[in-house]
Amino acid sequence: MLDALSNDVRNKIAAHLADIEIIDPRHPPVDIIVQVLQDVIPGTYGFQGDADNYDDMANADLMSVIDRKRGLPVALALIYVHAARRCQIEITGIDFPGHFLLRLQSGGARQIIDPFHGGITLESAELRELLKAFHGLDAELQPSHYREASDIAILLRLQNNIKVRALRQGELALAARIIDNSLLIAPDHDGLWHQLGALYARLNEDEKALHAFTQFVKLCKDPMHQARISAVIDELRERLGHPVLITAKEPVDPQINNAPVQLYPIRSKNPDLDHAPNPVRDVTKPGPSKDPA
């Protein structure tokens, strides 16, 4: 189906270009590209956001999204990305706060579109309204809100949505499997190793928790975070009867030290990450947060 969808996009763009004079057919006007994507993906094929059952886990499962033609913004975005790239159209994901968007570029012009709402275009006024809906009336657009998302970041964001929904349903083992899958995509993502360790600790799988936290400490660049999780590693090794490695103890604020682990996504400075580590001594409780879709 996706190949047929892409062919329809290509053919419709060619049909539009046959009716107008254009200097370089390799770079059709961006408004024509937007119109064709709207006509084909939500129009002909019926892909739309699932506003009625937004938190349904199927909305974050790409195969289910293709079958049901309903999904979350980031899942639907992959349909647009696939079609555009098959047609040599420049398209990038936009890591907009709380709602994944896409940017099309052709012939020096750009348009931001919303895959969840039929590929409609969004100008500054609509983007500002969308931002305030997620972050309050005082929020204002910043350059960072237009940050491009790499292909890895898009896949991680999709996996993260599945993980968050699993956690909300109390399915910790499923959430751990989702993080394991995410680590196949991004094996050097320290935040994923931290979250995996926290989940295994809650599942009383100490050996797996020890392995995950050890990987986190190897990858983490923050000395305070390393020290905190090193202490957790020592506790796990002692409980498992392994030799305890003596590590230097960093002085930490007790209030920070006793905060719950962050299993839900939080914003990272790394554009490829949807969540960052929040290492703490207590690795048994998830903290609440909104999941960006």
Protein backbone atom coordinates (compact mmCIF):
# COMPACT_ATOMS: atom_id res chain seq x y z
CA MET A 1 0.00 0.00 0.00
CA LEU A 2 2.76 2.47 0.86
CA ASP A 3 4.35 2.00 -2.57
CA ALA A 4 1.02 2.66 -4.25
CA LEU A 5 0.50 5.71 -2.06
CA SER A 6 3.93 7.07 -3.00
CA ASN A 7 3.27 6.47 -6.70
CA ASP A 8 -0.02 8.36 -6.44
CA VAL A 9 1.80 11.31 -4.87
CA ARG A 10 4.40 11.29 -7.65
CA ASN A 11 1.81 11.06 -10.41
CA LYS A 12 -0.38 13.81 -8.98
CA ILE A 13 2.57 16.16 -8.63
CA ALA A 14 3.53 15.45 -12.25
CA ALA A 15 -0.04 16.16 -13.34
CA HIS A 16 -0.02 19.52 -11.56
CA LEU A 17 3.32 20.46 -13.09
CA ALA A 18 2.05 19.65 -16.59
CA ASP A 19 -0.46 22.48 -16.24
CA ILE A 20 2.00 25.19 -15.22
CA GLU A 21 5.31 26.61 -16.38
CA ILE A 22 8.14 25.70 -14.04
CA ILE A 23 11.85 26.29 -14.45
CA ASP A 24 13.05 23.22 -12.55
CA PRO A 25 10.60 20.30 -12.32
CA ARG A 26 12.89 18.70 -9.72
CA HIS A 27 11.74 21.41 -7.29
CA PRO A 28 7.96 21.82 -7.64
CA PRO A 29 6.28 24.66 -5.73
CA VAL A 30 5.88 23.70 -2.10
CA ASP A 31 2.17 24.57 -2.11
CA ILE A 32 1.60 21.97 -4.83
CA ILE A 33 3.46 19.36 -2.77
CA VAL A 34 1.34 20.17 0.28
CA GLN A 35 -1.88 20.01 -1.71
CA VAL A 36 -0.98 16.64 -3.24
CA LEU A 37 0.02 15.14 0.12
CA GLN A 38 -3.29 16.31 1.57
CA ASP A 39 -5.23 14.93 -1.39
CA VAL A 40 -3.54 11.53 -1.29
CA ILE A 41 -2.62 10.60 2.30
CA PRO A 42 -5.67 11.76 4.29
CA GLY A 43 -7.86 12.19 1.20
CA THR A 44 -7.53 9.07 -0.95
CA TYR A 45 -6.08 6.75 1.69
CA GLY A 46 -7.85 8.13 4.76
CA PHE A 47 -4.93 8.52 7.19
CA GLN A 48 -5.96 10.77 10.08
CA GLY A 49 -5.18 11.36 13.72
CA ASP A 50 -7.16 9.32 16.23
CA ALA A 51 -8.54 12.10 18.41
CA ASP A 52 -11.29 9.88 19.87
CA ASN A 53 -8.92 7.21 21.23
CA TYR A 54 -5.70 9.19 21.47
CA ASP A 55 -4.09 7.07 24.20
CA ASP A 56 -4.84 3.75 22.52
CA MET A 57 -1.51 1.91 22.26
CA ALA A 58 -2.39 0.92 18.69
CA ASN A 59 -1.98 4.57 17.69
CA ALA A 60 1.76 4.30 18.36
CA ASP A 61 2.22 0.91 16.66
CA LEU A 62 3.19 1.59 13.04
CA MET A 63 1.74 -1.64 11.65
CA SER A 64 -1.56 -0.99 13.42
CA VAL A 65 -1.55 2.60 12.17
CA ILE A 66 -1.15 1.39 8.58
CA ASP A 67 -3.99 -1.13 9.04
CA ARG A 68 -6.37 1.21 10.90
CA LYS A 69 -5.31 4.44 9.16
CA ARG A 70 -5.43 6.18 12.52
CA GLY A 71 -2.56 7.11 14.76
CA LEU A 72 -0.49 9.61 16.71
CA PRO A 73 1.27 12.55 15.04
CA VAL A 74 4.70 10.90 14.97
CA ALA A 75 3.32 7.61 13.59
CA LEU A 76 1.38 9.36 10.84
CA ALA A 77 4.43 11.51 10.11
CA LEU A 78 6.32 8.39 9.03
CA ILE A 79 3.73 7.83 6.27
CA TYR A 80 4.32 11.37 4.96
CA VAL A 81 8.10 11.01 5.23
CA HIS A 82 8.05 7.73 3.32
CA ALA A 83 5.94 9.13 0.49
CA ALA A 84 7.87 12.40 0.21
CA ARG A 85 11.29 10.77 0.16
CA ARG A 86 10.18 8.25 -2.44
CA CYS A 87 9.35 11.28 -4.59
CA GLN A 88 12.68 13.02 -3.83
CA ILE A 89 10.89 15.72 -1.82
CA GLU A 90 12.82 17.33 1.03
CA ILE A 91 10.98 16.68 4.28
CA THR A 92 12.10 16.74 7.91
CA GLY A 93 10.47 16.05 11.24
CA ILE A 94 10.05 18.98 13.62
CA ASP A 95 10.42 18.19 17.31
CA PHE A 96 7.68 20.63 18.30
CA PRO A 97 6.77 20.53 22.02
CA GLY A 98 3.94 18.08 22.61
CA HIS A 99 2.95 17.57 18.97
CA PHE A 100 5.16 16.21 16.20
CA LEU A 101 5.15 18.24 12.96
CA LEU A 102 6.76 18.10 9.53
CA ARG A 103 8.53 20.68 7.39
CA LEU A 104 8.53 20.53 3.60
CA GLN A 105 11.03 22.48 1.52
CA SER A 106 11.20 23.00 -2.24
CA GLY A 107 12.40 25.77 -4.49
CA GLY A 108 13.58 27.85 -1.55
CA ALA A 109 10.14 27.88 0.12
CA ARG A 110 9.05 26.06 3.28
CA GLN A 111 5.81 24.92 4.85
CA ILE A 112 5.11 23.28 8.18
CA ILE A 113 2.31 20.72 8.15
CA ASP A 114 0.44 18.76 10.80
CA PRO A 115 0.13 15.04 9.90
CA PHE A 116 -2.39 14.47 12.69
CA HIS A 117 -4.89 16.93 11.20
CA GLY A 118 -4.89 15.99 7.55
CA GLY A 119 -1.59 17.63 6.66
CA ILE A 120 -2.89 21.17 7.19
CA THR A 121 -0.33 23.96 7.01
CA LEU A 122 0.56 25.86 10.17
CA GLU A 123 1.78 29.46 10.20
CA SER A 124 3.25 31.32 13.16
CA ALA A 125 -0.16 32.18 14.63
CA GLU A 126 -1.31 28.54 14.59
CA LEU A 127 2.00 27.33 15.97
CA ARG A 128 1.80 29.82 18.81
CA GLU A 129 -1.74 28.67 19.62
CA LEU A 130 -0.61 25.03 19.56
CA LEU A 131 2.31 25.78 21.87
CA LYS A 132 0.11 27.59 24.38
CA ALA A 133 -2.33 24.67 24.37
CA PHE A 134 0.48 22.41 25.64
CA HIS A 135 2.54 24.78 27.77
CA GLY A 136 0.19 27.53 28.96
CA LEU A 137 -0.73 31.02 27.88
CA ASP A 138 2.66 32.49 28.81
CA ALA A 139 4.56 30.24 26.39
CA GLU A 140 6.08 31.88 23.32
CA LEU A 141 7.69 30.43 20.22
CA GLN A 142 11.44 29.95 20.38
CA PRO A 143 13.93 28.85 17.70
CA SER A 144 14.40 25.59 19.57
CA HIS A 145 10.76 24.72 18.91
CA TYR A 146 11.62 24.31 15.21
CA ARG A 147 14.41 21.84 15.92
CA GLU A 148 14.76 19.17 13.26
CA ALA A 149 14.38 15.56 14.36
CA SER A 150 16.77 12.98 12.95
CA ASP A 151 15.43 9.68 11.65
CA ILE A 152 16.66 8.00 14.85
CA ALA A 153 14.91 10.63 16.96
CA ILE A 154 11.63 10.01 15.12
CA LEU A 155 11.84 6.25 15.71
CA LEU A 156 12.75 6.78 19.37
CA ARG A 157 9.85 9.15 19.83
CA LEU A 158 7.48 6.56 18.37
CA GLN A 159 8.88 3.87 20.67
CA ASN A 160 8.68 6.25 23.59
CA ASN A 161 4.96 6.76 23.02
CA ILE A 162 4.41 3.00 23.22
CA LYS A 163 6.52 2.80 26.38
CA VAL A 164 4.61 5.63 28.08
CA ARG A 165 1.28 3.96 27.37
CA ALA A 166 2.59 0.65 28.70
CA LEU A 167 3.67 2.37 31.92
CA ARG A 168 0.28 4.03 32.31
CA GLN A 169 -1.33 0.60 32.11
CA GLY A 170 1.11 -0.82 34.63
CA GLU A 171 2.71 -3.15 32.08
CA LEU A 172 6.28 -2.80 33.29
CA ALA A 173 7.61 -5.88 31.49
CA LEU A 174 6.23 -4.58 28.19
CA ALA A 175 7.78 -1.17 28.84
CA ALA A 176 11.14 -2.86 29.45
CA ARG A 177 10.85 -4.74 26.14
CA ILE A 178 10.08 -1.47 24.34
CA ILE A 179 13.21 0.13 25.82
CA ASP A 180 15.23 -2.93 24.81
CA ASN A 181 13.98 -2.41 21.25
CA SER A 182 14.86 1.28 21.44
CA LEU A 183 18.41 0.38 22.44
CA LEU A 184 18.75 -1.55 19.19
CA ILE A 185 18.24 1.81 17.48
CA ALA A 186 20.33 3.89 19.89
CA PRO A 187 22.69 1.65 21.90
CA ASP A 188 24.63 4.65 23.26
CA HIS A 189 21.55 6.41 24.66
CA ASP A 190 22.42 6.67 28.35
CA GLY A 191 18.90 7.74 29.34
CA LEU A 192 17.42 4.54 27.92
CA TRP A 193 19.88 2.41 29.91
CA HIS A 194 18.94 4.32 33.06
CA GLN A 195 15.21 3.82 32.48
CA LEU A 196 15.75 0.14 31.71
CA GLY A 197 17.66 -0.30 34.96
CA ALA A 198 14.90 1.41 36.92
CA LEU A 199 12.25 -0.82 35.36
CA TYR A 200 14.19 -4.01 36.02
CA ALA A 201 14.71 -2.89 39.62
CA ARG A 202 10.94 -2.51 40.02
CA LEU A 203 10.48 -5.94 38.42
CA ASN A 204 12.96 -7.40 40.97
CA GLU A 205 15.26 -8.52 38.16
CA ASP A 206 18.44 -7.41 39.88
CA GLU A 207 20.93 -8.95 37.44
CA LYS A 208 19.32 -7.14 34.51
CA ALA A 209 19.06 -3.94 36.52
CA LEU A 210 22.75 -4.20 37.40
CA HIS A 211 23.70 -4.64 33.74
CA ALA A 212 21.57 -1.69 32.62
CA PHE A 213 22.84 0.66 35.32
CA THR A 214 26.43 -0.39 34.60
CA GLN A 215 25.94 0.54 30.93
CA PHE A 216 24.44 3.85 32.01
CA VAL A 217 27.45 4.72 34.17
CA LYS A 218 29.80 3.90 31.28
CA LEU A 219 27.94 6.26 28.94
CA CYS A 220 26.87 9.06 31.28
CA LYS A 221 29.03 12.21 31.20
CA ASP A 222 27.64 13.79 34.37
CA PRO A 223 29.86 12.98 37.39
CA MET A 224 27.03 13.48 39.91
CA HIS A 225 24.70 11.16 38.02
CA GLN A 226 27.51 8.63 37.71
CA ALA A 227 28.13 8.77 41.46
CA ARG A 228 24.46 8.30 42.35
CA ILE A 229 23.93 5.31 40.10
CA SER A 230 27.30 3.86 41.11
CA ALA A 231 25.91 3.74 44.65
CA VAL A 232 22.85 1.88 43.34
CA ILE A 233 25.17 -0.52 41.51
CA ASP A 234 27.06 -1.21 44.75
CA GLU A 235 23.78 -1.98 46.52
CA LEU A 236 22.71 -4.34 43.73
CA ARG A 237 26.09 -6.10 43.66
CA GLU A 238 25.98 -6.58 47.42
CA ARG A 239 22.45 -7.97 47.25
CA LEU A 240 23.47 -10.37 44.47
CA GLY A 241 26.60 -11.48 46.30
CA HIS A 242 28.98 -9.94 43.77
CA PRO A 243 32.17 -8.15 44.85
CA VAL A 244 31.37 -4.52 45.57
CA LEU A 245 33.46 -2.00 43.68
CA ILE A 246 34.51 0.92 45.86
CA THR A 247 33.51 4.20 44.25
CA ALA A 248 34.03 7.76 45.38
CA LYS A 249 30.97 9.28 46.98
CA GLU A 250 29.83 12.65 45.65
CA PRO A 251 28.10 14.97 48.15
CA VAL A 252 24.53 15.44 46.97
CA ASP A 253 21.46 17.30 48.09
CA PRO A 254 19.33 14.77 50.06
CA GLN A 255 16.12 16.13 48.51
CA ILE A 256 17.45 15.55 45.01
CA ASN A 257 18.97 12.25 46.06
CA ASN A 258 15.59 10.90 47.21
CA ALA A 259 13.57 12.06 44.20
CA PRO A 260 11.75 9.36 42.19
CA VAL A 261 13.27 8.09 38.96
CA GLN A 262 11.93 9.68 35.76
CA LEU A 263 10.51 6.93 33.58
CA TYR A 264 8.35 9.23 31.51
CA PRO A 265 10.04 11.41 28.86
CA ILE A 266 11.63 14.71 29.75
CA ARG A 267 13.29 17.14 27.37
CA SER A 268 16.95 16.57 26.57
CA LYS A 269 19.56 18.90 25.13
CA ASN A 270 20.44 16.17 22.66
CA PRO A 271 18.16 16.48 19.57
CA ASP A 272 18.12 12.70 19.14
CA LEU A 273 16.64 12.10 22.59
CA ASP A 274 13.09 12.55 23.79
CA HIS A 275 14.02 12.02 27.40
CA ALA A 276 17.08 12.47 29.54
CA PRO A 277 18.38 10.60 32.58
CA ASN A 278 17.45 11.68 36.07
CA PRO A 279 19.55 9.23 38.12
CA VAL A 280 18.66 8.91 41.80
CA ARG A 281 19.08 6.52 44.67
CA ASP A 282 15.42 5.44 44.76
CA VAL A 283 14.98 3.49 41.52
CA THR A 284 11.58 2.01 42.27
CA LYS A 285 9.04 4.70 41.37
CA PRO A 286 8.13 6.35 38.04
CA GLY A 287 7.50 10.08 37.87
CA PRO A 288 4.67 11.69 35.91
CA SER A 289 5.20 13.73 32.76
CA LYS A 290 3.48 14.51 29.49
CA ASP A 291 4.51 12.39 26.53
CA PRO A 292 5.22 14.31 23.32
CA ALA A 293 3.44 12.60 20.45
